[in-house]
Amino acid sequence: MNKESTNDAAAAALRHARFGHLPERIRFEDMTQGVKAEEGGGANASYNPEGSWQYFSCLALDLGL
């Protein structure tokens, strides 16, 4: 019984030495990045609703139905 408690204490000491502290706290400012948006729409500026049907495949259109 004494041997088991020694192993448990040694294992606990090893765990505490390895995992006993929390990692350093990261500030919110370090986790975010501010990026200025492009004027004129950016990615949405190239949207053409009249030509958007060309990018989708439809079996009914392919068969001419």
PDB file of N, CA and C in Angstrom:
ATOM      1  N   MET A   1       0.831  -1.185   0.000  1.00  0.00           N
ATOM      2  CA  MET A   1       0.000   0.000   0.000  1.00  0.00           C
ATOM      3  C   MET A   1       0.872   1.244   0.000  1.00  0.00           C
ATOM      4  N   ASN A   2       1.966   1.193   0.700  1.00  0.00           N
ATOM      5  CA  ASN A   2       2.870   2.335   0.779  1.00  0.00           C
ATOM      6  C   ASN A   2       3.518   2.610  -0.575  1.00  0.00           C
ATOM      7  N   LYS A   3       3.794   1.535  -1.309  1.00  0.00           N
ATOM      8  CA  LYS A   3       4.430   1.675  -2.615  1.00  0.00           C
ATOM      9  C   LYS A   3       3.498   2.380  -3.606  1.00  0.00           C
ATOM     10  N   GLU A   4       2.202   2.071  -3.539  1.00  0.00           N
ATOM     11  CA  GLU A   4       1.236   2.703  -4.429  1.00  0.00           C
ATOM     12  C   GLU A   4       1.130   4.194  -4.170  1.00  0.00           C
ATOM     13  N   SER A   5       1.121   4.607  -2.918  1.00  0.00           N
ATOM     14  CA  SER A   5       1.017   6.032  -2.603  1.00  0.00           C
ATOM     15  C   SER A   5       2.286   6.764  -3.030  1.00  0.00           C
ATOM     16  N   THR A   6       3.433   6.095  -2.995  1.00  0.00           N
ATOM     17  CA  THR A   6       4.675   6.710  -3.454  1.00  0.00           C
ATOM     18  C   THR A   6       4.612   6.929  -4.970  1.00  0.00           C
ATOM     19  N   ASN A   7       4.123   5.924  -5.694  1.00  0.00           N
ATOM     20  CA  ASN A   7       3.981   6.068  -7.137  1.00  0.00           C
ATOM     21  C   ASN A   7       2.970   7.154  -7.487  1.00  0.00           C
ATOM     22  N   ASP A   8       1.859   7.199  -6.730  1.00  0.00           N
ATOM     23  CA  ASP A   8       0.859   8.232  -6.973  1.00  0.00           C
ATOM     24  C   ASP A   8       1.427   9.609  -6.681  1.00  0.00           C
ATOM     25  N   ALA A   9       2.192   9.744  -5.637  1.00  0.00           N
ATOM     26  CA  ALA A   9       2.780  11.039  -5.289  1.00  0.00           C
ATOM     27  C   ALA A   9       3.814  11.445  -6.330  1.00  0.00           C
ATOM     28  N   ALA A  10       4.590  10.477  -6.800  1.00  0.00           N
ATOM     29  CA  ALA A  10       5.587  10.786  -7.825  1.00  0.00           C
ATOM     30  C   ALA A  10       4.903  11.166  -9.132  1.00  0.00           C
ATOM     31  N   ALA A  11       3.848  10.449  -9.473  1.00  0.00           N
ATOM     32  CA  ALA A  11       3.110  10.768 -10.695  1.00  0.00           C
ATOM     33  C   ALA A  11       2.443  12.135 -10.572  1.00  0.00           C
ATOM     34  N   ALA A  12       1.918  12.432  -9.388  1.00  0.00           N
ATOM     35  CA  ALA A  12       1.283  13.735  -9.173  1.00  0.00           C
ATOM     36  C   ALA A  12       2.316  14.852  -9.257  1.00  0.00           C
ATOM     37  N   ALA A  13       3.496  14.637  -8.710  1.00  0.00           N
ATOM     38  CA  ALA A  13       4.554  15.642  -8.781  1.00  0.00           C
ATOM     39  C   ALA A  13       4.999  15.850 -10.221  1.00  0.00           C
ATOM     40  N   LEU A  14       5.085  14.770 -10.997  1.00  0.00           N
ATOM     41  CA  LEU A  14       5.461  14.866 -12.398  1.00  0.00           C
ATOM     42  C   LEU A  14       4.394  15.621 -13.193  1.00  0.00           C
ATOM     43  N   ARG A  15       3.120  15.310 -12.945  1.00  0.00           N
ATOM     44  CA  ARG A  15       2.034  16.030 -13.623  1.00  0.00           C
ATOM     45  C   ARG A  15       2.045  17.507 -13.260  1.00  0.00           C
ATOM     46  N   HIS A  16       2.271  17.803 -11.981  1.00  0.00           N
ATOM     47  CA  HIS A  16       2.296  19.198 -11.550  1.00  0.00           C
ATOM     48  C   HIS A  16       3.470  19.942 -12.176  1.00  0.00           C
ATOM     49  N   ALA A  17       4.611  19.292 -12.288  1.00  0.00           N
ATOM     50  CA  ALA A  17       5.768  19.944 -12.910  1.00  0.00           C
ATOM     51  C   ALA A  17       5.530  20.174 -14.403  1.00  0.00           C
ATOM     52  N   ARG A  18       4.791  19.272 -15.022  1.00  0.00           N
ATOM     53  CA  ARG A  18       4.576  19.371 -16.462  1.00  0.00           C
ATOM     54  C   ARG A  18       3.376  20.250 -16.818  1.00  0.00           C
ATOM     55  N   PHE A  19       2.283  20.115 -16.062  1.00  0.00           N
ATOM     56  CA  PHE A  19       1.031  20.791 -16.396  1.00  0.00           C
ATOM     57  C   PHE A  19       0.540  21.708 -15.276  1.00  0.00           C
ATOM     58  N   GLY A  20       1.370  22.053 -14.344  1.00  0.00           N
ATOM     59  CA  GLY A  20       0.937  22.773 -13.149  1.00  0.00           C
ATOM     60  C   GLY A  20       0.608  24.232 -13.352  1.00  0.00           C
ATOM     61  N   HIS A  21       0.944  24.825 -14.465  1.00  0.00           N
ATOM     62  CA  HIS A  21       0.651  26.248 -14.657  1.00  0.00           C
ATOM     63  C   HIS A  21      -0.127  26.456 -15.953  1.00  0.00           C
ATOM     64  N   LEU A  22      -0.907  27.520 -15.971  1.00  0.00           N
ATOM     65  CA  LEU A  22      -1.677  27.848 -17.152  1.00  0.00           C
ATOM     66  C   LEU A  22      -0.816  28.619 -18.133  1.00  0.00           C
ATOM     67  N   PRO A  23      -1.124  28.571 -19.413  1.00  0.00           N
ATOM     68  CA  PRO A  23      -0.358  29.353 -20.380  1.00  0.00           C
ATOM     69  C   PRO A  23      -0.593  30.847 -20.160  1.00  0.00           C
ATOM     70  N   GLU A  24       0.275  31.639 -20.709  1.00  0.00           N
ATOM     71  CA  GLU A  24       0.182  33.079 -20.552  1.00  0.00           C
ATOM     72  C   GLU A  24      -1.094  33.591 -21.227  1.00  0.00           C
ATOM     73  N   ARG A  25      -1.748  34.542 -20.580  1.00  0.00           N
ATOM     74  CA  ARG A  25      -3.002  35.068 -21.103  1.00  0.00           C
ATOM     75  C   ARG A  25      -2.746  35.938 -22.332  1.00  0.00           C
ATOM     76  N   ILE A  26      -3.613  35.805 -23.343  1.00  0.00           N
ATOM     77  CA  ILE A  26      -3.486  36.580 -24.577  1.00  0.00           C
ATOM     78  C   ILE A  26      -4.500  37.719 -24.514  1.00  0.00           C
ATOM     79  N   ARG A  27      -4.040  38.938 -24.757  1.00  0.00           N
ATOM     80  CA  ARG A  27      -4.930  40.092 -24.725  1.00  0.00           C
ATOM     81  C   ARG A  27      -5.840  40.080 -25.951  1.00  0.00           C
ATOM     82  N   PHE A  28      -7.026  40.699 -25.812  1.00  0.00           N
ATOM     83  CA  PHE A  28      -7.983  40.746 -26.904  1.00  0.00           C
ATOM     84  C   PHE A  28      -7.402  41.504 -28.091  1.00  0.00           C
ATOM     85  N   GLU A  29      -6.646  42.555 -27.832  1.00  0.00           N
ATOM     86  CA  GLU A  29      -6.052  43.349 -28.903  1.00  0.00           C
ATOM     87  C   GLU A  29      -5.079  42.526 -29.742  1.00  0.00           C
ATOM     88  N   ASP A  30      -4.457  41.527 -29.138  1.00  0.00           N
ATOM     89  CA  ASP A  30      -3.521  40.676 -29.866  1.00  0.00           C
ATOM     90  C   ASP A  30      -4.237  39.612 -30.708  1.00  0.00           C
ATOM     91  N   MET A  31      -5.524  39.374 -30.434  1.00  0.00           N
ATOM     92  CA  MET A  31      -6.262  38.349 -31.163  1.00  0.00           C
ATOM     93  C   MET A  31      -7.018  38.919 -32.357  1.00  0.00           C
ATOM     94  N   THR A  32      -7.148  40.231 -32.455  1.00  0.00           N
ATOM     95  CA  THR A  32      -7.917  40.834 -33.527  1.00  0.00           C
ATOM     96  C   THR A  32      -7.014  41.643 -34.445  1.00  0.00           C
ATOM     97  N   GLN A  33      -7.490  41.849 -35.647  1.00  0.00           N
ATOM     98  CA  GLN A  33      -6.734  42.621 -36.619  1.00  0.00           C
ATOM     99  C   GLN A  33      -7.713  43.505 -37.366  1.00  0.00           C
ATOM    100  N   GLY A  34      -7.426  44.786 -37.416  1.00  0.00           N
ATOM    101  CA  GLY A  34      -8.289  45.712 -38.130  1.00  0.00           C
ATOM    102  C   GLY A  34      -7.822  45.868 -39.566  1.00  0.00           C
ATOM    103  N   VAL A  35      -8.749  45.722 -40.498  1.00  0.00           N
ATOM    104  CA  VAL A  35      -8.444  45.861 -41.916  1.00  0.00           C
ATOM    105  C   VAL A  35      -9.436  46.851 -42.511  1.00  0.00           C
ATOM    106  N   LYS A  36      -8.927  47.814 -43.223  1.00  0.00           N
ATOM    107  CA  LYS A  36      -9.798  48.811 -43.828  1.00  0.00           C
ATOM    108  C   LYS A  36     -10.500  48.198 -45.049  1.00  0.00           C
ATOM    109  N   ALA A  37     -11.806  48.431 -45.143  1.00  0.00           N
ATOM    110  CA  ALA A  37     -12.588  47.893 -46.255  1.00  0.00           C
ATOM    111  C   ALA A  37     -12.318  48.698 -47.517  1.00  0.00           C
ATOM    112  N   GLU A  38     -12.391  48.016 -48.649  1.00  0.00           N
ATOM    113  CA  GLU A  38     -12.184  48.682 -49.930  1.00  0.00           C
ATOM    114  C   GLU A  38     -13.414  49.498 -50.292  1.00  0.00           C
ATOM    115  N   GLU A  39     -13.199  50.627 -50.898  1.00  0.00           N
ATOM    116  CA  GLU A  39     -14.315  51.419 -51.379  1.00  0.00           C
ATOM    117  C   GLU A  39     -14.795  50.846 -52.710  1.00  0.00           C
ATOM    118  N   GLY A  40     -16.075  50.973 -52.981  1.00  0.00           N
ATOM    119  CA  GLY A  40     -16.607  50.502 -54.246  1.00  0.00           C
ATOM    120  C   GLY A  40     -17.117  49.077 -54.191  1.00  0.00           C
ATOM    121  N   GLY A  41     -17.231  48.484 -53.014  1.00  0.00           N
ATOM    122  CA  GLY A  41     -17.851  47.172 -52.920  1.00  0.00           C
ATOM    123  C   GLY A  41     -16.907  46.009 -52.748  1.00  0.00           C
ATOM    124  N   GLY A  42     -15.657  46.126 -53.119  1.00  0.00           N
ATOM    125  CA  GLY A  42     -14.727  45.013 -52.954  1.00  0.00           C
ATOM    126  C   GLY A  42     -15.114  43.818 -53.780  1.00  0.00           C
ATOM    127  N   ALA A  43     -15.319  42.657 -53.151  1.00  0.00           N
ATOM    128  CA  ALA A  43     -15.640  41.425 -53.876  1.00  0.00           C
ATOM    129  C   ALA A  43     -17.040  41.471 -54.479  1.00  0.00           C
ATOM    130  N   ASN A  44     -17.960  42.212 -53.874  1.00  0.00           N
ATOM    131  CA  ASN A  44     -19.334  42.267 -54.381  1.00  0.00           C
ATOM    132  C   ASN A  44     -19.460  43.156 -55.613  1.00  0.00           C
ATOM    133  N   ALA A  45     -18.464  43.943 -55.947  1.00  0.00           N
ATOM    134  CA  ALA A  45     -18.555  44.863 -57.076  1.00  0.00           C
ATOM    135  C   ALA A  45     -18.618  44.114 -58.398  1.00  0.00           C
ATOM    136  N   SER A  46     -18.142  42.888 -58.463  1.00  0.00           N
ATOM    137  CA  SER A  46     -18.122  42.159 -59.718  1.00  0.00           C
ATOM    138  C   SER A  46     -19.381  41.313 -59.936  1.00  0.00           C
ATOM    139  N   TYR A  47     -20.365  41.435 -59.066  1.00  0.00           N
ATOM    140  CA  TYR A  47     -21.593  40.635 -59.191  1.00  0.00           C
ATOM    141  C   TYR A  47     -22.449  41.164 -60.328  1.00  0.00           C
ATOM    142  N   ASN A  48     -22.846  40.268 -61.209  1.00  0.00           N
ATOM    143  CA  ASN A  48     -23.701  40.613 -62.336  1.00  0.00           C
ATOM    144  C   ASN A  48     -24.932  39.713 -62.269  1.00  0.00           C
ATOM    145  N   PRO A  49     -26.077  40.227 -61.792  1.00  0.00           N
ATOM    146  CA  PRO A  49     -27.245  39.362 -61.627  1.00  0.00           C
ATOM    147  C   PRO A  49     -27.786  38.805 -62.936  1.00  0.00           C
ATOM    148  N   GLU A  50     -27.593  39.534 -64.032  1.00  0.00           N
ATOM    149  CA  GLU A  50     -28.112  39.059 -65.318  1.00  0.00           C
ATOM    150  C   GLU A  50     -27.278  37.910 -65.880  1.00  0.00           C
ATOM    151  N   GLY A  51     -26.000  37.859 -65.547  1.00  0.00           N
ATOM    152  CA  GLY A  51     -25.141  36.805 -66.056  1.00  0.00           C
ATOM    153  C   GLY A  51     -24.859  35.712 -65.050  1.00  0.00           C
ATOM    154  N   SER A  52     -25.494  35.785 -63.874  1.00  0.00           N
ATOM    155  CA  SER A  52     -25.194  34.802 -62.836  1.00  0.00           C
ATOM    156  C   SER A  52     -25.686  33.408 -63.188  1.00  0.00           C
ATOM    157  N   TRP A  53     -26.687  33.287 -64.071  1.00  0.00           N
ATOM    158  CA  TRP A  53     -27.192  31.967 -64.426  1.00  0.00           C
ATOM    159  C   TRP A  53     -26.148  31.145 -65.167  1.00  0.00           C
ATOM    160  N   GLN A  54     -25.131  31.764 -65.727  1.00  0.00           N
ATOM    161  CA  GLN A  54     -24.107  31.062 -66.487  1.00  0.00           C
ATOM    162  C   GLN A  54     -23.203  30.206 -65.610  1.00  0.00           C
ATOM    163  N   TYR A  55     -23.184  30.476 -64.328  1.00  0.00           N
ATOM    164  CA  TYR A  55     -22.268  29.780 -63.426  1.00  0.00           C
ATOM    165  C   TYR A  55     -22.896  28.571 -62.749  1.00  0.00           C
ATOM    166  N   PHE A  56     -24.159  28.287 -63.009  1.00  0.00           N
ATOM    167  CA  PHE A  56     -24.822  27.168 -62.371  1.00  0.00           C
ATOM    168  C   PHE A  56     -25.206  26.144 -63.428  1.00  0.00           C
ATOM    169  N   SER A  57     -25.164  24.889 -63.040  1.00  0.00           N
ATOM    170  CA  SER A  57     -25.545  23.826 -63.950  1.00  0.00           C
ATOM    171  C   SER A  57     -26.950  23.365 -63.596  1.00  0.00           C
ATOM    172  N   CYS A  58     -27.787  23.267 -64.584  1.00  0.00           N
ATOM    173  CA  CYS A  58     -29.163  22.825 -64.376  1.00  0.00           C
ATOM    174  C   CYS A  58     -29.494  21.818 -65.472  1.00  0.00           C
ATOM    175  N   LEU A  59     -29.950  20.654 -65.103  1.00  0.00           N
ATOM    176  CA  LEU A  59     -30.261  19.615 -66.074  1.00  0.00           C
ATOM    177  C   LEU A  59     -31.364  20.047 -67.024  1.00  0.00           C
ATOM    178  N   ALA A  60     -32.365  20.756 -66.502  1.00  0.00           N
ATOM    179  CA  ALA A  60     -33.470  21.207 -67.354  1.00  0.00           C
ATOM    180  C   ALA A  60     -32.949  22.186 -68.411  1.00  0.00           C
ATOM    181  N   LEU A  61     -32.049  23.081 -68.045  1.00  0.00           N
ATOM    182  CA  LEU A  61     -31.489  24.007 -69.018  1.00  0.00           C
ATOM    183  C   LEU A  61     -30.597  23.273 -70.015  1.00  0.00           C
ATOM    184  N   ASP A  62     -29.849  22.295 -69.543  1.00  0.00           N
ATOM    185  CA  ASP A  62     -28.972  21.535 -70.432  1.00  0.00           C
ATOM    186  C   ASP A  62     -29.785  20.763 -71.472  1.00  0.00           C
ATOM    187  N   LEU A  63     -30.948  20.286 -71.095  1.00  0.00           N
ATOM    188  CA  LEU A  63     -31.794  19.529 -72.020  1.00  0.00           C
ATOM    189  C   LEU A  63     -32.680  20.442 -72.852  1.00  0.00           C
ATOM    190  N   GLY A  64     -32.680  21.733 -72.538  1.00  0.00           N
ATOM    191  CA  GLY A  64     -33.489  22.672 -73.299  1.00  0.00           C
ATOM    192  C   GLY A  64     -34.956  22.618 -72.950  1.00  0.00           C
ATOM    193  N   LEU A  65     -35.254  22.253 -71.712  1.00  0.00           N
ATOM    194  CA  LEU A  65     -36.663  22.165 -71.306  1.00  0.00           C
ATOM    195  C   LEU A  65     -37.180  23.476 -70.801  1.00  0.00           C
TER     196      LEU A  65
END
